[in-house]
Amino acid sequence: MSVLSALRHPIVAAPMAGGPSTPDLVSAVSAAGGLGFLAAGMIDTGRLVADIAAVRARTDRPFGVNVFLPADGPVDEAAVSAYGRRLAPQAEAFGVSLGDPVGGDDAYPEKLAALLADPVPVVSFAFGLPDRAAVTALRERGTEVWATVTRPDAATAAADLGVDAVVVQGTEAGGHRGGMPDDDDYALLPLLRLAATGCDRPLVAAGGIADGPALAAALTAGAVAAQVGTAFLRCPEAGTSPVHRAAVAGVAPTALTRAYTGKRARGVVNDFLRTHDAQAPAGYPQVLHLTRPLLAAARAAGDASVPSLWAGQAHPLAREVPAAEVVAELSAAARRALATAAERAARWG
């Protein structure tokens, strides 16, 4: 039996790197009948191993780990340097220096080796598709492999690799675009329908799903479950910073930007995004490493005008309740919405 088919509720907690996806949040979602996900991105392998152990200590239910694939392609170093000069005065105002805009592979080989040595129920990949060897090696150890896509042709390619499920991420989603290239703009529902025409694997819908009716819509459009992130950001189990929680609780609009990391990601609009978006170069992880000290200093100071405030377009629907309550309420409200839709459809004939 696959992990998805064994869930009591069709809800997957999106892996949210940078703090929100704690072992407490992951285990709470899994224990409630959904599927929790650890975020392996932007942490070292030792921290990942410790987080996996922490989840196992809290629940015996299945959970997943999401891994960032290494960036591929050249980066305009001159443009990144120019961006650094633009940001330097702002960093100085917070009493910090900008980081070194280095590249790197986010310790991908080491993290993959750790997941092969001590398998978890599910491993998902973001920022492209894994190679066939990684898919085969993980599946041979009993791990289900999921791929994240943002284009219909990528869903077909993922199925051809032999993955077990495909996460279909619409442009409404908060955080980074999970596919490559990152300049796609498919909304979730059309992307789901297009992906379904060329992909014979279970589809997990991601993007703007923060209440039951949205979950029902995704299930009706062909998904077997929804990957939900923003709806969990205000939960007490999440590691969301205070300034981030306040932004999610507000009603400000969101936008896609490369200003923080050099890769397009959706967050609540603030002064930093408005001021620097147009000049921000494509360059991940170089821009991420460049801006990290500045963003951390602003976050520590409680200044919401600077740090990244990742959130999906439906963020005002997120509530400050325990994660188990989010899982139960989304599922129950989706059932009600589906029943209402069936009643309406019955009147058509």
C-alpha atoms as a PDB file:
ATOM      1  CA  MET A   1       0.000   0.000   0.000  1.00  0.00           C
ATOM      2  CA  SER A   2       1.366   3.432  -0.926  1.00  0.00           C
ATOM      3  CA  VAL A   3       1.801   6.146   1.668  1.00  0.00           C
ATOM      4  CA  LEU A   4      -0.840   8.317  -0.001  1.00  0.00           C
ATOM      5  CA  SER A   5      -3.478   5.588  -0.044  1.00  0.00           C
ATOM      6  CA  ALA A   6      -2.909   4.896   3.658  1.00  0.00           C
ATOM      7  CA  LEU A   7      -3.549   8.485   4.803  1.00  0.00           C
ATOM      8  CA  ARG A   8      -6.665   9.157   6.867  1.00  0.00           C
ATOM      9  CA  HIS A   9      -6.835  12.663   5.434  1.00  0.00           C
ATOM     10  CA  PRO A  10      -5.667  13.797   1.958  1.00  0.00           C
ATOM     11  CA  ILE A  11      -3.357  16.443   3.378  1.00  0.00           C
ATOM     12  CA  VAL A  12       0.410  16.746   3.039  1.00  0.00           C
ATOM     13  CA  ALA A  13       2.269  19.385   5.035  1.00  0.00           C
ATOM     14  CA  ALA A  14       4.460  21.224   2.571  1.00  0.00           C
ATOM     15  CA  PRO A  15       8.170  21.203   3.413  1.00  0.00           C
ATOM     16  CA  MET A  16       9.005  24.790   4.367  1.00  0.00           C
ATOM     17  CA  ALA A  17      12.740  25.418   4.613  1.00  0.00           C
ATOM     18  CA  GLY A  18      14.190  28.152   6.749  1.00  0.00           C
ATOM     19  CA  GLY A  19      12.493  27.257  10.030  1.00  0.00           C
ATOM     20  CA  PRO A  20       8.734  26.590   9.781  1.00  0.00           C
ATOM     21  CA  SER A  21       8.881  22.818   9.181  1.00  0.00           C
ATOM     22  CA  THR A  22       9.980  21.635  12.618  1.00  0.00           C
ATOM     23  CA  PRO A  23       9.904  18.026  13.844  1.00  0.00           C
ATOM     24  CA  ASP A  24       6.999  19.058  16.068  1.00  0.00           C
ATOM     25  CA  LEU A  25       4.960  20.240  13.077  1.00  0.00           C
ATOM     26  CA  VAL A  26       5.876  17.232  10.938  1.00  0.00           C
ATOM     27  CA  SER A  27       5.005  14.695  13.625  1.00  0.00           C
ATOM     28  CA  ALA A  28       1.769  16.492  14.554  1.00  0.00           C
ATOM     29  CA  VAL A  29       0.505  16.409  10.960  1.00  0.00           C
ATOM     30  CA  SER A  30       1.447  12.752  10.510  1.00  0.00           C
ATOM     31  CA  ALA A  31      -0.075  11.750  13.851  1.00  0.00           C
ATOM     32  CA  ALA A  32      -3.292  13.526  12.854  1.00  0.00           C
ATOM     33  CA  GLY A  33      -3.626  11.365   9.732  1.00  0.00           C
ATOM     34  CA  GLY A  34      -1.922  13.563   7.168  1.00  0.00           C
ATOM     35  CA  LEU A  35       1.670  13.383   5.956  1.00  0.00           C
ATOM     36  CA  GLY A  36       4.255  15.648   7.549  1.00  0.00           C
ATOM     37  CA  PHE A  37       7.358  16.705   5.625  1.00  0.00           C
ATOM     38  CA  LEU A  38      10.771  17.775   6.836  1.00  0.00           C
ATOM     39  CA  ALA A  39      12.639  20.367   4.784  1.00  0.00           C
ATOM     40  CA  ALA A  40      16.243  19.316   4.128  1.00  0.00           C
ATOM     41  CA  GLY A  41      17.037  22.494   2.200  1.00  0.00           C
ATOM     42  CA  MET A  42      19.497  25.024   3.659  1.00  0.00           C
ATOM     43  CA  ILE A  43      20.529  22.858   6.628  1.00  0.00           C
ATOM     44  CA  ASP A  44      23.532  20.587   7.033  1.00  0.00           C
ATOM     45  CA  THR A  45      23.334  16.802   6.927  1.00  0.00           C
ATOM     46  CA  GLY A  46      23.836  16.444  10.663  1.00  0.00           C
ATOM     47  CA  ARG A  47      20.815  18.628  11.336  1.00  0.00           C
ATOM     48  CA  LEU A  48      18.760  16.594   8.854  1.00  0.00           C
ATOM     49  CA  VAL A  49      19.686  13.326  10.571  1.00  0.00           C
ATOM     50  CA  ALA A  50      18.788  14.834  13.955  1.00  0.00           C
ATOM     51  CA  ASP A  51      15.437  16.120  12.659  1.00  0.00           C
ATOM     52  CA  ILE A  52      14.573  12.686  11.270  1.00  0.00           C
ATOM     53  CA  ALA A  53      15.363  11.108  14.636  1.00  0.00           C
ATOM     54  CA  ALA A  54      13.238  13.739  16.397  1.00  0.00           C
ATOM     55  CA  VAL A  55      10.221  12.976  14.205  1.00  0.00           C
ATOM     56  CA  ARG A  56      10.602   9.239  14.788  1.00  0.00           C
ATOM     57  CA  ALA A  57      10.707   9.861  18.536  1.00  0.00           C
ATOM     58  CA  ARG A  58       7.374  11.690  18.339  1.00  0.00           C
ATOM     59  CA  THR A  59       5.316   9.470  16.005  1.00  0.00           C
ATOM     60  CA  ASP A  60       5.366   6.084  14.310  1.00  0.00           C
ATOM     61  CA  ARG A  61       3.339   7.402  11.380  1.00  0.00           C
ATOM     62  CA  PRO A  62       4.887   7.891   7.903  1.00  0.00           C
ATOM     63  CA  PHE A  63       6.558  11.201   7.058  1.00  0.00           C
ATOM     64  CA  GLY A  64       8.650  12.619   4.254  1.00  0.00           C
ATOM     65  CA  VAL A  65      11.849  14.562   3.606  1.00  0.00           C
ATOM     66  CA  ASN A  66      12.180  17.144   0.845  1.00  0.00           C
ATOM     67  CA  VAL A  67      15.575  17.660  -0.808  1.00  0.00           C
ATOM     68  CA  PHE A  68      16.770  20.572  -2.948  1.00  0.00           C
ATOM     69  CA  LEU A  69      18.533  19.468  -6.105  1.00  0.00           C
ATOM     70  CA  PRO A  70      21.750  21.362  -6.912  1.00  0.00           C
ATOM     71  CA  ALA A  71      21.449  24.470  -9.055  1.00  0.00           C
ATOM     72  CA  ASP A  72      22.361  23.961 -12.684  1.00  0.00           C
ATOM     73  CA  GLY A  73      23.593  26.529 -15.180  1.00  0.00           C
ATOM     74  CA  PRO A  74      25.792  29.642 -15.194  1.00  0.00           C
ATOM     75  CA  VAL A  75      25.240  32.645 -12.950  1.00  0.00           C
ATOM     76  CA  ASP A  76      26.025  36.232 -13.920  1.00  0.00           C
ATOM     77  CA  GLU A  77      28.553  36.985 -11.194  1.00  0.00           C
ATOM     78  CA  ALA A  78      28.835  40.628 -12.225  1.00  0.00           C
ATOM     79  CA  ALA A  79      25.088  41.087 -11.755  1.00  0.00           C
ATOM     80  CA  VAL A  80      25.234  39.408  -8.345  1.00  0.00           C
ATOM     81  CA  SER A  81      28.135  41.686  -7.316  1.00  0.00           C
ATOM     82  CA  ALA A  82      26.195  44.744  -8.442  1.00  0.00           C
ATOM     83  CA  TYR A  83      23.213  43.593  -6.393  1.00  0.00           C
ATOM     84  CA  GLY A  84      25.493  43.247  -3.395  1.00  0.00           C
ATOM     85  CA  ARG A  85      26.663  46.837  -3.786  1.00  0.00           C
ATOM     86  CA  ARG A  86      23.029  47.910  -3.911  1.00  0.00           C
ATOM     87  CA  LEU A  87      22.219  46.103  -0.648  1.00  0.00           C
ATOM     88  CA  ALA A  88      25.402  46.972   1.265  1.00  0.00           C
ATOM     89  CA  PRO A  89      24.139  50.249   2.815  1.00  0.00           C
ATOM     90  CA  GLN A  90      21.036  48.498   4.124  1.00  0.00           C
ATOM     91  CA  ALA A  91      23.156  45.754   5.691  1.00  0.00           C
ATOM     92  CA  GLU A  92      25.395  48.356   7.312  1.00  0.00           C
ATOM     93  CA  ALA A  93      22.329  50.017   8.817  1.00  0.00           C
ATOM     94  CA  PHE A  94      21.603  46.749  10.634  1.00  0.00           C
ATOM     95  CA  GLY A  95      25.213  46.422  11.733  1.00  0.00           C
ATOM     96  CA  VAL A  96      26.048  43.402   9.580  1.00  0.00           C
ATOM     97  CA  SER A  97      27.981  42.633   6.423  1.00  0.00           C
ATOM     98  CA  LEU A  98      26.483  40.832   3.472  1.00  0.00           C
ATOM     99  CA  GLY A  99      27.402  37.207   2.997  1.00  0.00           C
ATOM    100  CA  ASP A 100      29.786  35.715   0.469  1.00  0.00           C
ATOM    101  CA  PRO A 101      27.789  35.013  -2.737  1.00  0.00           C
ATOM    102  CA  VAL A 102      29.136  31.500  -3.240  1.00  0.00           C
ATOM    103  CA  GLY A 103      27.550  28.642  -5.152  1.00  0.00           C
ATOM    104  CA  GLY A 104      27.267  25.124  -3.818  1.00  0.00           C
ATOM    105  CA  ASP A 105      25.132  22.015  -3.976  1.00  0.00           C
ATOM    106  CA  ASP A 106      23.396  22.282  -0.551  1.00  0.00           C
ATOM    107  CA  ALA A 107      25.290  19.096   0.456  1.00  0.00           C
ATOM    108  CA  TYR A 108      23.069  17.128  -1.879  1.00  0.00           C
ATOM    109  CA  PRO A 109      25.354  14.073  -2.202  1.00  0.00           C
ATOM    110  CA  GLU A 110      25.734  13.802   1.571  1.00  0.00           C
ATOM    111  CA  LYS A 111      22.000  14.191   2.212  1.00  0.00           C
ATOM    112  CA  LEU A 112      21.113  11.604  -0.412  1.00  0.00           C
ATOM    113  CA  ALA A 113      23.663   9.209   1.094  1.00  0.00           C
ATOM    114  CA  ALA A 114      22.125   9.710   4.552  1.00  0.00           C
ATOM    115  CA  LEU A 115      18.628   8.985   3.201  1.00  0.00           C
ATOM    116  CA  LEU A 116      19.888   5.840   1.496  1.00  0.00           C
ATOM    117  CA  ALA A 117      21.663   4.680   4.644  1.00  0.00           C
ATOM    118  CA  ASP A 118      18.647   5.293   6.892  1.00  0.00           C
ATOM    119  CA  PRO A 119      15.553   5.265   4.654  1.00  0.00           C
ATOM    120  CA  VAL A 120      12.436   7.312   5.370  1.00  0.00           C
ATOM    121  CA  PRO A 121       8.955   6.585   3.959  1.00  0.00           C
ATOM    122  CA  VAL A 122       8.974   9.366   1.333  1.00  0.00           C
ATOM    123  CA  VAL A 123      11.613  11.584  -0.272  1.00  0.00           C
ATOM    124  CA  SER A 124      10.506  14.424  -2.521  1.00  0.00           C
ATOM    125  CA  PHE A 125      12.685  16.582  -4.733  1.00  0.00           C
ATOM    126  CA  ALA A 126      12.464  20.265  -5.623  1.00  0.00           C
ATOM    127  CA  PHE A 127      14.290  22.521  -8.110  1.00  0.00           C
ATOM    128  CA  GLY A 128      14.195  20.006 -10.926  1.00  0.00           C
ATOM    129  CA  LEU A 129      13.939  16.271 -11.422  1.00  0.00           C
ATOM    130  CA  PRO A 130      16.271  13.745  -9.789  1.00  0.00           C
ATOM    131  CA  ASP A 131      18.295  11.425 -11.966  1.00  0.00           C
ATOM    132  CA  ARG A 132      17.101   7.892 -12.592  1.00  0.00           C
ATOM    133  CA  ALA A 133      19.868   6.402 -10.452  1.00  0.00           C
ATOM    134  CA  ALA A 134      18.694   8.308  -7.353  1.00  0.00           C
ATOM    135  CA  VAL A 135      15.072   7.307  -7.963  1.00  0.00           C
ATOM    136  CA  THR A 136      16.022   3.657  -8.360  1.00  0.00           C
ATOM    137  CA  ALA A 137      18.317   3.608  -5.320  1.00  0.00           C
ATOM    138  CA  LEU A 138      15.708   5.165  -3.026  1.00  0.00           C
ATOM    139  CA  ARG A 139      12.912   2.907  -4.223  1.00  0.00           C
ATOM    140  CA  GLU A 140      15.098  -0.173  -3.765  1.00  0.00           C
ATOM    141  CA  ARG A 141      15.341   0.781  -0.080  1.00  0.00           C
ATOM    142  CA  GLY A 142      11.574   1.045   0.291  1.00  0.00           C
ATOM    143  CA  THR A 143      11.364   4.829  -0.004  1.00  0.00           C
ATOM    144  CA  GLU A 144       8.671   6.365  -2.174  1.00  0.00           C
ATOM    145  CA  VAL A 145       9.984   9.092  -4.478  1.00  0.00           C
ATOM    146  CA  TRP A 146       7.997  12.209  -5.319  1.00  0.00           C
ATOM    147  CA  ALA A 147       8.948  14.920  -7.797  1.00  0.00           C
ATOM    148  CA  THR A 148       7.825  18.563  -7.719  1.00  0.00           C
ATOM    149  CA  VAL A 149       6.814  20.094 -11.050  1.00  0.00           C
ATOM    150  CA  THR A 150       5.491  23.427 -12.233  1.00  0.00           C
ATOM    151  CA  ARG A 151       4.953  22.585 -15.911  1.00  0.00           C
ATOM    152  CA  PRO A 152       2.871  19.886 -17.629  1.00  0.00           C
ATOM    153  CA  ASP A 153       5.819  18.445 -19.572  1.00  0.00           C
ATOM    154  CA  ALA A 154       7.776  18.035 -16.333  1.00  0.00           C
ATOM    155  CA  ALA A 155       4.978  15.872 -14.906  1.00  0.00           C
ATOM    156  CA  THR A 156       5.309  13.561 -17.898  1.00  0.00           C
ATOM    157  CA  ALA A 157       9.103  13.473 -17.531  1.00  0.00           C
ATOM    158  CA  ALA A 158       8.786  12.674 -13.830  1.00  0.00           C
ATOM    159  CA  ALA A 159       6.491   9.745 -14.563  1.00  0.00           C
ATOM    160  CA  ASP A 160       8.984   8.469 -17.113  1.00  0.00           C
ATOM    161  CA  LEU A 161      11.660   8.447 -14.381  1.00  0.00           C
ATOM    162  CA  GLY A 162       9.557   6.051 -12.338  1.00  0.00           C
ATOM    163  CA  VAL A 163       8.617   8.301  -9.420  1.00  0.00           C
ATOM    164  CA  ASP A 164       5.727   7.238  -7.197  1.00  0.00           C
ATOM    165  CA  ALA A 165       3.865  10.565  -7.138  1.00  0.00           C
ATOM    166  CA  VAL A 166       4.096  14.046  -8.620  1.00  0.00           C
ATOM    167  CA  VAL A 167       3.588  17.260  -6.653  1.00  0.00           C
ATOM    168  CA  VAL A 168       1.963  19.746  -9.025  1.00  0.00           C
ATOM    169  CA  GLN A 169       2.740  23.268  -7.804  1.00  0.00           C
ATOM    170  CA  GLY A 170       0.695  26.166  -9.133  1.00  0.00           C
ATOM    171  CA  THR A 171       1.878  29.745  -9.191  1.00  0.00           C
ATOM    172  CA  GLU A 172      -0.394  30.550  -6.212  1.00  0.00           C
ATOM    173  CA  ALA A 173       1.917  28.633  -3.878  1.00  0.00           C
ATOM    174  CA  GLY A 174       4.038  30.339  -1.259  1.00  0.00           C
ATOM    175  CA  GLY A 175       7.788  29.965  -1.141  1.00  0.00           C
ATOM    176  CA  HIS A 176      10.078  28.910  -3.951  1.00  0.00           C
ATOM    177  CA  ARG A 177       8.984  27.612  -7.294  1.00  0.00           C
ATOM    178  CA  GLY A 178       9.696  23.899  -7.081  1.00  0.00           C
ATOM    179  CA  GLY A 179      10.408  23.227 -10.744  1.00  0.00           C
ATOM    180  CA  MET A 180      12.960  24.291 -13.305  1.00  0.00           C
ATOM    181  CA  PRO A 181      13.088  26.710 -14.942  1.00  0.00           C
ATOM    182  CA  ASP A 182      11.493  28.933 -12.315  1.00  0.00           C
ATOM    183  CA  ASP A 183       9.796  31.371 -14.704  1.00  0.00           C
ATOM    184  CA  ASP A 184       6.579  29.380 -15.231  1.00  0.00           C
ATOM    185  CA  ASP A 185       3.194  30.897 -14.371  1.00  0.00           C
ATOM    186  CA  TYR A 186       0.700  28.022 -14.495  1.00  0.00           C
ATOM    187  CA  ALA A 187      -2.182  28.371 -12.056  1.00  0.00           C
ATOM    188  CA  LEU A 188      -2.921  25.206 -10.123  1.00  0.00           C
ATOM    189  CA  LEU A 189      -6.201  24.045 -11.675  1.00  0.00           C
ATOM    190  CA  PRO A 190      -5.129  24.262 -15.332  1.00  0.00           C
ATOM    191  CA  LEU A 191      -1.761  22.765 -14.428  1.00  0.00           C
ATOM    192  CA  LEU A 192      -3.477  19.843 -12.692  1.00  0.00           C
ATOM    193  CA  ARG A 193      -5.666  19.131 -15.693  1.00  0.00           C
ATOM    194  CA  LEU A 194      -2.790  19.430 -18.160  1.00  0.00           C
ATOM    195  CA  ALA A 195      -0.510  17.269 -16.018  1.00  0.00           C
ATOM    196  CA  ALA A 196      -3.176  14.585 -15.756  1.00  0.00           C
ATOM    197  CA  THR A 197      -3.262  14.166 -19.532  1.00  0.00           C
ATOM    198  CA  GLY A 198       0.368  13.027 -19.719  1.00  0.00           C
ATOM    199  CA  CYS A 199       1.122  11.625 -16.275  1.00  0.00           C
ATOM    200  CA  ASP A 200      -0.168   8.312 -14.946  1.00  0.00           C
ATOM    201  CA  ARG A 201       1.112   8.833 -11.382  1.00  0.00           C
ATOM    202  CA  PRO A 202      -0.872  10.151  -8.391  1.00  0.00           C
ATOM    203  CA  LEU A 203      -0.928  13.935  -8.378  1.00  0.00           C
ATOM    204  CA  VAL A 204      -0.550  16.015  -5.212  1.00  0.00           C
ATOM    205  CA  ALA A 205      -1.856  19.550  -5.653  1.00  0.00           C
ATOM    206  CA  ALA A 206       0.020  22.546  -4.213  1.00  0.00           C
ATOM    207  CA  GLY A 207      -0.790  26.231  -4.399  1.00  0.00           C
ATOM    208  CA  GLY A 208      -3.369  28.420  -2.673  1.00  0.00           C
ATOM    209  CA  ILE A 209      -5.069  25.577  -0.771  1.00  0.00           C
ATOM    210  CA  ALA A 210      -5.864  26.884   2.693  1.00  0.00           C
ATOM    211  CA  ASP A 211      -9.441  25.789   3.342  1.00  0.00           C
ATOM    212  CA  GLY A 212     -11.809  22.896   2.674  1.00  0.00           C
ATOM    213  CA  PRO A 213     -13.482  24.158  -0.505  1.00  0.00           C
ATOM    214  CA  ALA A 214     -10.060  24.705  -2.127  1.00  0.00           C
ATOM    215  CA  LEU A 215      -9.037  21.176  -1.119  1.00  0.00           C
ATOM    216  CA  ALA A 216     -12.283  19.856  -2.613  1.00  0.00           C
ATOM    217  CA  ALA A 217     -11.598  21.712  -5.859  1.00  0.00           C
ATOM    218  CA  ALA A 218      -8.131  20.164  -6.128  1.00  0.00           C
ATOM    219  CA  LEU A 219      -9.475  16.668  -5.471  1.00  0.00           C
ATOM    220  CA  THR A 220     -12.199  17.171  -8.075  1.00  0.00           C
ATOM    221  CA  ALA A 221      -9.602  18.371 -10.596  1.00  0.00           C
ATOM    222  CA  GLY A 222      -7.634  15.140 -10.320  1.00  0.00           C
ATOM    223  CA  ALA A 223      -5.382  15.346  -7.260  1.00  0.00           C
ATOM    224  CA  VAL A 224      -5.380  12.547  -4.705  1.00  0.00           C
ATOM    225  CA  ALA A 225      -4.171  14.895  -1.946  1.00  0.00           C
ATOM    226  CA  ALA A 226      -3.131  18.493  -1.386  1.00  0.00           C
ATOM    227  CA  GLN A 227       0.244  19.774  -0.227  1.00  0.00           C
ATOM    228  CA  VAL A 228      -0.548  22.599   2.173  1.00  0.00           C
ATOM    229  CA  GLY A 229       2.034  24.977   3.570  1.00  0.00           C
ATOM    230  CA  THR A 230       0.737  28.442   4.386  1.00  0.00           C
ATOM    231  CA  ALA A 231      -2.216  27.071   6.362  1.00  0.00           C
ATOM    232  CA  PHE A 232       0.280  25.608   8.867  1.00  0.00           C
ATOM    233  CA  LEU A 233       2.489  28.703   9.280  1.00  0.00           C
ATOM    234  CA  ARG A 234       0.525  30.068  12.241  1.00  0.00           C
ATOM    235  CA  CYS A 235       0.325  26.732  14.083  1.00  0.00           C
ATOM    236  CA  PRO A 236       2.114  26.641  17.460  1.00  0.00           C
ATOM    237  CA  GLU A 237       4.192  23.662  16.276  1.00  0.00           C
ATOM    238  CA  ALA A 238       5.639  25.615  13.337  1.00  0.00           C
ATOM    239  CA  GLY A 239       8.978  27.410  13.654  1.00  0.00           C
ATOM    240  CA  THR A 240       7.633  30.522  11.943  1.00  0.00           C
ATOM    241  CA  SER A 241       9.234  33.742  13.190  1.00  0.00           C
ATOM    242  CA  PRO A 242       7.042  36.377  14.891  1.00  0.00           C
ATOM    243  CA  VAL A 243       7.340  38.856  12.008  1.00  0.00           C
ATOM    244  CA  HIS A 244       6.447  36.110   9.539  1.00  0.00           C
ATOM    245  CA  ARG A 245       3.431  35.018  11.599  1.00  0.00           C
ATOM    246  CA  ALA A 246       2.152  38.591  11.738  1.00  0.00           C
ATOM    247  CA  ALA A 247       2.504  39.004   7.974  1.00  0.00           C
ATOM    248  CA  VAL A 248       0.624  35.766   7.286  1.00  0.00           C
ATOM    249  CA  ALA A 249      -2.146  36.922   9.619  1.00  0.00           C
ATOM    250  CA  GLY A 250      -2.506  40.157   7.639  1.00  0.00           C
ATOM    251  CA  VAL A 251      -4.128  40.871   4.300  1.00  0.00           C
ATOM    252  CA  ALA A 252      -1.220  42.330   2.312  1.00  0.00           C
ATOM    253  CA  PRO A 253      -0.817  40.954  -1.217  1.00  0.00           C
ATOM    254  CA  THR A 254       1.883  38.507  -2.258  1.00  0.00           C
ATOM    255  CA  ALA A 255       4.243  38.561  -5.209  1.00  0.00           C
ATOM    256  CA  LEU A 256       6.864  36.384  -6.871  1.00  0.00           C
ATOM    257  CA  THR A 257      10.394  37.739  -6.537  1.00  0.00           C
ATOM    258  CA  ARG A 258      14.079  36.848  -6.828  1.00  0.00           C
ATOM    259  CA  ALA A 259      15.062  39.623  -4.426  1.00  0.00           C
ATOM    260  CA  TYR A 260      15.886  37.351  -1.491  1.00  0.00           C
ATOM    261  CA  THR A 261      17.483  34.231  -2.961  1.00  0.00           C
ATOM    262  CA  GLY A 262      17.988  34.676  -6.698  1.00  0.00           C
ATOM    263  CA  LYS A 263      15.198  32.157  -7.367  1.00  0.00           C
ATOM    264  CA  ARG A 264      11.557  33.110  -7.827  1.00  0.00           C
ATOM    265  CA  ALA A 265       9.530  32.661  -4.667  1.00  0.00           C
ATOM    266  CA  ARG A 266       6.184  34.001  -3.455  1.00  0.00           C
ATOM    267  CA  GLY A 267       5.972  36.070  -0.298  1.00  0.00           C
ATOM    268  CA  VAL A 268       4.012  38.867   1.325  1.00  0.00           C
ATOM    269  CA  VAL A 269       4.981  42.178  -0.242  1.00  0.00           C
ATOM    270  CA  ASN A 270       7.116  44.429   1.970  1.00  0.00           C
ATOM    271  CA  ASP A 271       9.496  47.356   1.431  1.00  0.00           C
ATOM    272  CA  PHE A 272      12.496  45.173   0.567  1.00  0.00           C
ATOM    273  CA  LEU A 273      10.576  43.314  -2.129  1.00  0.00           C
ATOM    274  CA  ARG A 274       9.173  46.512  -3.629  1.00  0.00           C
ATOM    275  CA  THR A 275      12.547  48.275  -3.584  1.00  0.00           C
ATOM    276  CA  HIS A 276      14.799  45.520  -4.925  1.00  0.00           C
ATOM    277  CA  ASP A 277      12.697  43.135  -6.998  1.00  0.00           C
ATOM    278  CA  ALA A 278      13.328  44.774 -10.353  1.00  0.00           C
ATOM    279  CA  GLN A 279      17.114  44.766  -9.860  1.00  0.00           C
ATOM    280  CA  ALA A 280      17.459  41.298  -8.356  1.00  0.00           C
ATOM    281  CA  PRO A 281      19.426  38.911 -10.583  1.00  0.00           C
ATOM    282  CA  ALA A 282      18.757  35.244 -11.205  1.00  0.00           C
ATOM    283  CA  GLY A 283      21.427  33.480  -9.190  1.00  0.00           C
ATOM    284  CA  TYR A 284      20.648  30.733  -6.691  1.00  0.00           C
ATOM    285  CA  PRO A 285      22.191  30.019  -4.217  1.00  0.00           C
ATOM    286  CA  GLN A 286      24.545  32.995  -4.639  1.00  0.00           C
ATOM    287  CA  VAL A 287      21.911  35.627  -3.827  1.00  0.00           C
ATOM    288  CA  LEU A 288      20.633  33.507  -0.930  1.00  0.00           C
ATOM    289  CA  HIS A 289      24.075  33.479   0.686  1.00  0.00           C
ATOM    290  CA  LEU A 290      24.521  37.191  -0.049  1.00  0.00           C
ATOM    291  CA  THR A 291      21.323  38.324   1.669  1.00  0.00           C
ATOM    292  CA  ARG A 292      21.201  35.884   4.593  1.00  0.00           C
ATOM    293  CA  PRO A 293      22.974  38.047   7.221  1.00  0.00           C
ATOM    294  CA  LEU A 294      20.835  41.083   6.380  1.00  0.00           C
ATOM    295  CA  LEU A 295      17.568  39.143   6.472  1.00  0.00           C
ATOM    296  CA  ALA A 296      18.505  37.416   9.731  1.00  0.00           C
ATOM    297  CA  ALA A 297      19.408  40.722  11.386  1.00  0.00           C
ATOM    298  CA  ALA A 298      16.130  42.320  10.343  1.00  0.00           C
ATOM    299  CA  ARG A 299      14.168  39.301  11.517  1.00  0.00           C
ATOM    300  CA  ALA A 300      15.908  39.350  14.885  1.00  0.00           C
ATOM    301  CA  ALA A 301      15.109  43.058  15.190  1.00  0.00           C
ATOM    302  CA  GLY A 302      11.436  42.411  14.486  1.00  0.00           C
ATOM    303  CA  ASP A 303      11.571  44.558  11.343  1.00  0.00           C
ATOM    304  CA  ALA A 304       9.019  43.113   8.912  1.00  0.00           C
ATOM    305  CA  SER A 305       9.977  45.527   6.139  1.00  0.00           C
ATOM    306  CA  VAL A 306      13.068  43.506   5.172  1.00  0.00           C
ATOM    307  CA  PRO A 307      12.948  39.698   5.635  1.00  0.00           C
ATOM    308  CA  SER A 308      11.361  37.208   3.288  1.00  0.00           C
ATOM    309  CA  LEU A 309       7.773  36.480   4.336  1.00  0.00           C
ATOM    310  CA  TRP A 310       6.969  33.413   2.263  1.00  0.00           C
ATOM    311  CA  ALA A 311       3.246  32.786   1.903  1.00  0.00           C
ATOM    312  CA  GLY A 312       0.732  31.683  -0.698  1.00  0.00           C
ATOM    313  CA  GLN A 313      -1.952  33.878  -2.186  1.00  0.00           C
ATOM    314  CA  ALA A 314      -4.606  32.556   0.231  1.00  0.00           C
ATOM    315  CA  HIS A 315      -2.582  33.401   3.357  1.00  0.00           C
ATOM    316  CA  PRO A 316      -5.363  35.421   5.080  1.00  0.00           C
ATOM    317  CA  LEU A 317      -7.218  32.112   5.509  1.00  0.00           C
ATOM    318  CA  ALA A 318      -4.480  30.671   7.760  1.00  0.00           C
ATOM    319  CA  ARG A 319      -5.502  30.337  11.406  1.00  0.00           C
ATOM    320  CA  GLU A 320      -3.626  30.223  14.696  1.00  0.00           C
ATOM    321  CA  VAL A 321      -4.676  26.727  15.750  1.00  0.00           C
ATOM    322  CA  PRO A 322      -2.833  23.431  16.377  1.00  0.00           C
ATOM    323  CA  ALA A 323      -1.717  21.480  13.324  1.00  0.00           C
ATOM    324  CA  ALA A 324      -4.011  18.544  14.095  1.00  0.00           C
ATOM    325  CA  GLU A 325      -6.961  20.938  14.016  1.00  0.00           C
ATOM    326  CA  VAL A 326      -5.884  22.269  10.605  1.00  0.00           C
ATOM    327  CA  VAL A 327      -5.770  18.720   9.236  1.00  0.00           C
ATOM    328  CA  ALA A 328      -9.160  17.751  10.667  1.00  0.00           C
ATOM    329  CA  GLU A 329     -10.913  20.978   9.658  1.00  0.00           C
ATOM    330  CA  LEU A 330      -9.569  21.006   6.097  1.00  0.00           C
ATOM    331  CA  SER A 331     -10.664  17.421   5.583  1.00  0.00           C
ATOM    332  CA  ALA A 332     -14.111  17.866   7.100  1.00  0.00           C
ATOM    333  CA  ALA A 333     -14.761  21.101   5.216  1.00  0.00           C
ATOM    334  CA  ALA A 334     -13.682  19.462   1.955  1.00  0.00           C
ATOM    335  CA  ARG A 335     -16.176  16.648   2.500  1.00  0.00           C
ATOM    336  CA  ARG A 336     -18.926  19.204   3.089  1.00  0.00           C
ATOM    337  CA  ALA A 337     -17.942  21.135  -0.030  1.00  0.00           C
ATOM    338  CA  LEU A 338     -17.940  17.974  -2.147  1.00  0.00           C
ATOM    339  CA  ALA A 339     -21.369  17.015  -0.790  1.00  0.00           C
ATOM    340  CA  THR A 340     -22.720  20.477  -1.598  1.00  0.00           C
ATOM    341  CA  ALA A 341     -21.284  20.275  -5.111  1.00  0.00           C
ATOM    342  CA  ALA A 342     -22.917  16.857  -5.604  1.00  0.00           C
ATOM    343  CA  GLU A 343     -26.289  18.256  -4.522  1.00  0.00           C
ATOM    344  CA  ARG A 344     -25.964  21.101  -6.980  1.00  0.00           C
ATOM    345  CA  ALA A 345     -24.950  18.731  -9.772  1.00  0.00           C
ATOM    346  CA  ALA A 346     -27.952  16.518  -9.056  1.00  0.00           C
ATOM    347  CA  ARG A 347     -30.236  19.433  -9.894  1.00  0.00           C
ATOM    348  CA  TRP A 348     -28.748  19.832 -13.362  1.00  0.00           C
ATOM    349  CA  GLY A 349     -30.367  16.692 -14.738  1.00  0.00           C
END
